[in-house]
């Protein structure tokens, strides 16, 4: 209808695991450096959140008196 063929977004064209750069104009070395930082940051965030959750749940079991 009116020449409309469908919704086309840029997100469908981007495959993060294809080895392409994060954005145009970025060299391969800079791309690896940025991906390394992203993986390190996300890994650190995930391990920290798991440790906080584990510590808080264990404190709940230790400090909570049974009825």
PDB file of N, CA and C in Angstrom:
ATOM      1  N   UNK A   1       0.850  -1.173   0.000  1.00  0.00           N
ATOM      2  CA  UNK A   1       0.000   0.000   0.000  1.00  0.00           C
ATOM      3  C   UNK A   1       0.892   1.231   0.000  1.00  0.00           C
ATOM      4  N   UNK A   2       0.729   2.088  -0.924  1.00  0.00           N
ATOM      5  CA  UNK A   2       1.500   3.321  -1.071  1.00  0.00           C
ATOM      6  C   UNK A   2       3.001   3.067  -1.183  1.00  0.00           C
ATOM      7  N   UNK A   3       3.400   1.956  -1.758  1.00  0.00           N
ATOM      8  CA  UNK A   3       4.809   1.649  -1.935  1.00  0.00           C
ATOM      9  C   UNK A   3       5.489   1.127  -0.677  1.00  0.00           C
ATOM     10  N   UNK A   4       4.744   0.801   0.339  1.00  0.00           N
ATOM     11  CA  UNK A   4       5.297   0.297   1.606  1.00  0.00           C
ATOM     12  C   UNK A   4       5.581  -1.188   1.481  1.00  0.00           C
ATOM     13  N   UNK A   5       6.813  -1.587   1.745  1.00  0.00           N
ATOM     14  CA  UNK A   5       7.178  -3.001   1.627  1.00  0.00           C
ATOM     15  C   UNK A   5       7.419  -3.661   2.971  1.00  0.00           C
ATOM     16  N   UNK A   6       7.665  -2.909   4.019  1.00  0.00           N
ATOM     17  CA  UNK A   6       7.888  -3.499   5.334  1.00  0.00           C
ATOM     18  C   UNK A   6       8.834  -2.656   6.161  1.00  0.00           C
ATOM     19  N   UNK A   7       8.981  -3.041   7.377  1.00  0.00           N
ATOM     20  CA  UNK A   7       9.860  -2.324   8.286  1.00  0.00           C
ATOM     21  C   UNK A   7      11.270  -2.880   8.128  1.00  0.00           C
ATOM     22  N   UNK A   8      12.216  -2.006   7.931  1.00  0.00           N
ATOM     23  CA  UNK A   8      13.608  -2.407   7.778  1.00  0.00           C
ATOM     24  C   UNK A   8      14.441  -1.575   8.741  1.00  0.00           C
ATOM     25  N   UNK A   9      15.113  -2.231   9.663  1.00  0.00           N
ATOM     26  CA  UNK A   9      15.921  -1.488  10.632  1.00  0.00           C
ATOM     27  C   UNK A   9      17.393  -1.831  10.461  1.00  0.00           C
ATOM     28  N   UNK A  10      18.236  -0.959  10.941  1.00  0.00           N
ATOM     29  CA  UNK A  10      19.676  -1.165  10.881  1.00  0.00           C
ATOM     30  C   UNK A  10      20.091  -2.317  11.796  1.00  0.00           C
ATOM     31  N   UNK A  11      19.336  -2.585  12.852  1.00  0.00           N
ATOM     32  CA  UNK A  11      19.674  -3.638  13.806  1.00  0.00           C
ATOM     33  C   UNK A  11      19.664  -5.019  13.157  1.00  0.00           C
ATOM     34  N   UNK A  12      18.852  -5.201  12.121  1.00  0.00           N
ATOM     35  CA  UNK A  12      18.805  -6.495  11.458  1.00  0.00           C
ATOM     36  C   UNK A  12      20.072  -6.763  10.659  1.00  0.00           C
ATOM     37  N   UNK A  13      20.771  -5.705  10.242  1.00  0.00           N
ATOM     38  CA  UNK A  13      21.966  -5.849   9.433  1.00  0.00           C
ATOM     39  C   UNK A  13      23.216  -6.118  10.255  1.00  0.00           C
ATOM     40  N   UNK A  14      23.190  -5.802  11.540  1.00  0.00           N
ATOM     41  CA  UNK A  14      24.381  -5.884  12.377  1.00  0.00           C
ATOM     42  C   UNK A  14      24.439  -7.241  13.068  1.00  0.00           C
ATOM     43  N   UNK A  15      25.561  -7.941  12.892  1.00  0.00           N
ATOM     44  CA  UNK A  15      25.803  -9.200  13.580  1.00  0.00           C
ATOM     45  C   UNK A  15      27.060  -9.006  14.420  1.00  0.00           C
ATOM     46  N   UNK A  16      26.899  -8.958  15.734  1.00  0.00           N
ATOM     47  CA  UNK A  16      28.022  -8.644  16.611  1.00  0.00           C
ATOM     48  C   UNK A  16      29.091  -9.720  16.613  1.00  0.00           C
ATOM     49  N   UNK A  17      28.726 -10.956  16.294  1.00  0.00           N
ATOM     50  CA  UNK A  17      29.680 -12.047  16.321  1.00  0.00           C
ATOM     51  C   UNK A  17      30.343 -12.303  14.963  1.00  0.00           C
ATOM     52  N   UNK A  18      30.073 -11.439  14.005  1.00  0.00           N
ATOM     53  CA  UNK A  18      30.628 -11.643  12.668  1.00  0.00           C
ATOM     54  C   UNK A  18      32.076 -11.193  12.561  1.00  0.00           C
ATOM     55  N   UNK A  19      32.562 -10.469  13.532  1.00  0.00           N
ATOM     56  CA  UNK A  19      33.930  -9.983  13.490  1.00  0.00           C
ATOM     57  C   UNK A  19      34.059  -8.606  12.875  1.00  0.00           C
ATOM     58  N   UNK A  20      32.922  -7.992  12.523  1.00  0.00           N
ATOM     59  CA  UNK A  20      32.959  -6.649  11.978  1.00  0.00           C
ATOM     60  C   UNK A  20      33.252  -5.656  13.097  1.00  0.00           C
ATOM     61  N   UNK A  21      33.599  -4.443  12.718  1.00  0.00           N
ATOM     62  CA  UNK A  21      33.898  -3.428  13.720  1.00  0.00           C
ATOM     63  C   UNK A  21      32.628  -2.934  14.389  1.00  0.00           C
ATOM     64  N   UNK A  22      32.786  -2.315  15.565  1.00  0.00           N
ATOM     65  CA  UNK A  22      31.640  -1.811  16.301  1.00  0.00           C
ATOM     66  C   UNK A  22      30.947  -0.681  15.569  1.00  0.00           C
ATOM     67  N   UNK A  23      31.721   0.156  14.914  1.00  0.00           N
ATOM     68  CA  UNK A  23      31.147   1.216  14.085  1.00  0.00           C
ATOM     69  C   UNK A  23      32.117   1.516  12.954  1.00  0.00           C
ATOM     70  N   UNK A  24      31.628   2.086  11.864  1.00  0.00           N
ATOM     71  CA  UNK A  24      32.479   2.319  10.693  1.00  0.00           C
ATOM     72  C   UNK A  24      33.668   3.233  11.006  1.00  0.00           C
ATOM     73  N   UNK A  25      34.804   2.941  10.384  1.00  0.00           N
ATOM     74  CA  UNK A  25      35.990   3.763  10.564  1.00  0.00           C
ATOM     75  C   UNK A  25      36.902   3.300  11.689  1.00  0.00           C
ATOM     76  N   UNK A  26      36.536   2.245  12.369  1.00  0.00           N
ATOM     77  CA  UNK A  26      37.322   1.727  13.482  1.00  0.00           C
ATOM     78  C   UNK A  26      38.255   0.645  12.951  1.00  0.00           C
ATOM     79  N   UNK A  27      39.519   0.709  13.333  1.00  0.00           N
ATOM     80  CA  UNK A  27      40.460  -0.309  12.858  1.00  0.00           C
ATOM     81  C   UNK A  27      40.263  -1.616  13.622  1.00  0.00           C
ATOM     82  N   UNK A  28      40.848  -2.689  13.113  1.00  0.00           N
ATOM     83  CA  UNK A  28      40.674  -4.012  13.732  1.00  0.00           C
ATOM     84  C   UNK A  28      41.285  -4.052  15.132  1.00  0.00           C
ATOM     85  N   UNK A  29      42.446  -3.410  15.318  1.00  0.00           N
ATOM     86  CA  UNK A  29      43.078  -3.393  16.643  1.00  0.00           C
ATOM     87  C   UNK A  29      42.252  -2.633  17.664  1.00  0.00           C
ATOM     88  N   UNK A  30      41.719  -1.483  17.256  1.00  0.00           N
ATOM     89  CA  UNK A  30      40.865  -0.715  18.163  1.00  0.00           C
ATOM     90  C   UNK A  30      39.581  -1.471  18.466  1.00  0.00           C
ATOM     91  N   UNK A  31      39.065  -2.169  17.472  1.00  0.00           N
ATOM     92  CA  UNK A  31      37.858  -2.957  17.669  1.00  0.00           C
ATOM     93  C   UNK A  31      38.080  -4.063  18.710  1.00  0.00           C
ATOM     94  N   UNK A  32      39.202  -4.779  18.617  1.00  0.00           N
ATOM     95  CA  UNK A  32      39.503  -5.834  19.594  1.00  0.00           C
ATOM     96  C   UNK A  32      39.691  -5.252  20.985  1.00  0.00           C
ATOM     97  N   UNK A  33      40.320  -4.102  21.058  1.00  0.00           N
ATOM     98  CA  UNK A  33      40.532  -3.457  22.345  1.00  0.00           C
ATOM     99  C   UNK A  33      39.199  -3.073  22.987  1.00  0.00           C
ATOM    100  N   UNK A  34      38.312  -2.510  22.195  1.00  0.00           N
ATOM    101  CA  UNK A  34      37.005  -2.118  22.732  1.00  0.00           C
ATOM    102  C   UNK A  34      36.183  -3.325  23.145  1.00  0.00           C
ATOM    103  N   UNK A  35      36.176  -4.393  22.325  1.00  0.00           N
ATOM    104  CA  UNK A  35      35.430  -5.597  22.703  1.00  0.00           C
ATOM    105  C   UNK A  35      36.018  -6.239  23.963  1.00  0.00           C
ATOM    106  N   UNK A  36      37.339  -6.208  24.097  1.00  0.00           N
ATOM    107  CA  UNK A  36      37.958  -6.736  25.308  1.00  0.00           C
ATOM    108  C   UNK A  36      37.526  -5.977  26.546  1.00  0.00           C
ATOM    109  N   UNK A  37      37.450  -4.656  26.431  1.00  0.00           N
ATOM    110  CA  UNK A  37      37.002  -3.838  27.558  1.00  0.00           C
ATOM    111  C   UNK A  37      35.550  -4.138  27.903  1.00  0.00           C
ATOM    112  N   UNK A  38      34.706  -4.267  26.882  1.00  0.00           N
ATOM    113  CA  UNK A  38      33.286  -4.557  27.128  1.00  0.00           C
ATOM    114  C   UNK A  38      33.134  -5.902  27.814  1.00  0.00           C
ATOM    115  N   UNK A  39      33.866  -6.924  27.339  1.00  0.00           N
ATOM    116  CA  UNK A  39      33.771  -8.252  27.968  1.00  0.00           C
ATOM    117  C   UNK A  39      34.293  -8.231  29.400  1.00  0.00           C
ATOM    118  N   UNK A  40      35.379  -7.511  29.633  1.00  0.00           N
ATOM    119  CA  UNK A  40      35.947  -7.435  30.981  1.00  0.00           C
ATOM    120  C   UNK A  40      34.987  -6.731  31.924  1.00  0.00           C
ATOM    121  N   UNK A  41      34.402  -5.625  31.477  1.00  0.00           N
ATOM    122  CA  UNK A  41      33.486  -4.868  32.320  1.00  0.00           C
ATOM    123  C   UNK A  41      32.243  -5.689  32.641  1.00  0.00           C
ATOM    124  N   UNK A  42      31.658  -6.333  31.627  1.00  0.00           N
ATOM    125  CA  UNK A  42      30.449  -7.129  31.857  1.00  0.00           C
ATOM    126  C   UNK A  42      30.745  -8.333  32.742  1.00  0.00           C
ATOM    127  N   UNK A  43      31.895  -8.965  32.561  1.00  0.00           N
ATOM    128  CA  UNK A  43      32.263 -10.095  33.402  1.00  0.00           C
ATOM    129  C   UNK A  43      32.460  -9.693  34.849  1.00  0.00           C
ATOM    130  N   UNK A  44      33.093  -8.541  35.056  1.00  0.00           N
ATOM    131  CA  UNK A  44      33.305  -8.040  36.411  1.00  0.00           C
ATOM    132  C   UNK A  44      31.966  -7.700  37.061  1.00  0.00           C
ATOM    133  N   UNK A  45      31.075  -7.079  36.308  1.00  0.00           N
ATOM    134  CA  UNK A  45      29.762  -6.714  36.832  1.00  0.00           C
ATOM    135  C   UNK A  45      28.964  -7.947  37.217  1.00  0.00           C
ATOM    136  N   UNK A  46      28.994  -8.972  36.380  1.00  0.00           N
ATOM    137  CA  UNK A  46      28.235 -10.189  36.658  1.00  0.00           C
ATOM    138  C   UNK A  46      28.783 -10.922  37.880  1.00  0.00           C
ATOM    139  N   UNK A  47      30.101 -11.033  38.004  1.00  0.00           N
ATOM    140  CA  UNK A  47      30.666 -11.735  39.159  1.00  0.00           C
ATOM    141  C   UNK A  47      30.411 -10.959  40.446  1.00  0.00           C
ATOM    142  N   UNK A  48      30.467  -9.639  40.391  1.00  0.00           N
ATOM    143  CA  UNK A  48      30.190  -8.828  41.574  1.00  0.00           C
ATOM    144  C   UNK A  48      28.743  -8.983  42.008  1.00  0.00           C
ATOM    145  N   UNK A  49      27.812  -8.941  41.071  1.00  0.00           N
ATOM    146  CA  UNK A  49      26.401  -9.078  41.431  1.00  0.00           C
ATOM    147  C   UNK A  49      26.100 -10.476  41.982  1.00  0.00           C
ATOM    148  N   UNK A  50      26.737 -11.510  41.429  1.00  0.00           N
ATOM    149  CA  UNK A  50      26.526 -12.862  41.962  1.00  0.00           C
ATOM    150  C   UNK A  50      27.075 -12.979  43.380  1.00  0.00           C
ATOM    151  N   UNK A  51      28.228 -12.377  43.635  1.00  0.00           N
ATOM    152  CA  UNK A  51      28.798 -12.437  44.989  1.00  0.00           C
ATOM    153  C   UNK A  51      27.940 -11.689  45.992  1.00  0.00           C
ATOM    154  N   UNK A  52      27.388 -10.558  45.602  1.00  0.00           N
ATOM    155  CA  UNK A  52      26.506  -9.804  46.507  1.00  0.00           C
ATOM    156  C   UNK A  52      25.244 -10.606  46.801  1.00  0.00           C
ATOM    157  N   UNK A  53      24.657 -11.209  45.778  1.00  0.00           N
ATOM    158  CA  UNK A  53      23.459 -12.020  45.972  1.00  0.00           C
ATOM    159  C   UNK A  53      23.749 -13.229  46.863  1.00  0.00           C
ATOM    160  N   UNK A  54      24.866 -13.897  46.628  1.00  0.00           N
ATOM    161  CA  UNK A  54      25.237 -15.064  47.423  1.00  0.00           C
ATOM    162  C   UNK A  54      25.475 -14.677  48.884  1.00  0.00           C
ATOM    163  N   UNK A  55      26.164 -13.575  49.117  1.00  0.00           N
ATOM    164  CA  UNK A  55      26.450 -13.138  50.484  1.00  0.00           C
ATOM    165  C   UNK A  55      25.175 -12.733  51.208  1.00  0.00           C
ATOM    166  N   UNK A  56      24.312 -11.995  50.547  1.00  0.00           N
ATOM    167  CA  UNK A  56      23.077 -11.556  51.206  1.00  0.00           C
ATOM    168  C   UNK A  56      22.156 -12.736  51.513  1.00  0.00           C
ATOM    169  N   UNK A  57      22.071 -13.703  50.617  1.00  0.00           N
ATOM    170  CA  UNK A  57      21.210 -14.856  50.898  1.00  0.00           C
ATOM    171  C   UNK A  57      21.796 -15.730  52.008  1.00  0.00           C
ATOM    172  N   UNK A  58      23.116 -15.873  52.061  1.00  0.00           N
ATOM    173  CA  UNK A  58      23.689 -16.669  53.139  1.00  0.00           C
ATOM    174  C   UNK A  58      23.554 -15.962  54.496  1.00  0.00           C
ATOM    175  N   UNK A  59      23.680 -14.633  54.506  1.00  0.00           N
ATOM    176  CA  UNK A  59      23.464 -13.889  55.752  1.00  0.00           C
ATOM    177  C   UNK A  59      22.024 -14.032  56.220  1.00  0.00           C
ATOM    178  N   UNK A  60      21.093 -14.084  55.291  1.00  0.00           N
ATOM    179  CA  UNK A  60      19.694 -14.259  55.659  1.00  0.00           C
ATOM    180  C   UNK A  60      19.495 -15.596  56.349  1.00  0.00           C
ATOM    181  N   UNK A  61      20.108 -16.663  55.827  1.00  0.00           N
ATOM    182  CA  UNK A  61      19.965 -17.975  56.457  1.00  0.00           C
ATOM    183  C   UNK A  61      20.683 -18.058  57.807  1.00  0.00           C
ATOM    184  N   UNK A  62      21.822 -17.406  57.935  1.00  0.00           N
ATOM    185  CA  UNK A  62      22.595 -17.479  59.165  1.00  0.00           C
ATOM    186  C   UNK A  62      21.965 -16.652  60.282  1.00  0.00           C
ATOM    187  N   UNK A  63      21.506 -15.458  59.938  1.00  0.00           N
ATOM    188  CA  UNK A  63      21.006 -14.527  60.952  1.00  0.00           C
ATOM    189  C   UNK A  63      19.533 -14.651  61.258  1.00  0.00           C
ATOM    190  N   UNK A  64      18.786 -15.344  60.443  1.00  0.00           N
ATOM    191  CA  UNK A  64      17.348 -15.478  60.648  1.00  0.00           C
ATOM    192  C   UNK A  64      17.089 -16.616  61.635  1.00  0.00           C
ATOM    193  N   UNK A  65      16.393 -16.310  62.706  1.00  0.00           N
ATOM    194  CA  UNK A  65      16.080 -17.344  63.707  1.00  0.00           C
ATOM    195  C   UNK A  65      14.843 -18.122  63.269  1.00  0.00           C
ATOM    196  N   UNK A  66      14.904 -19.426  63.448  1.00  0.00           N
ATOM    197  CA  UNK A  66      13.743 -20.241  63.102  1.00  0.00           C
ATOM    198  C   UNK A  66      12.677 -20.112  64.169  1.00  0.00           C
ATOM    199  N   UNK A  67      11.453 -20.358  63.789  1.00  0.00           N
ATOM    200  CA  UNK A  67      10.328 -20.177  64.710  1.00  0.00           C
ATOM    201  C   UNK A  67      10.086 -21.402  65.527  1.00  0.00           C
TER     202      UNK A  67
END
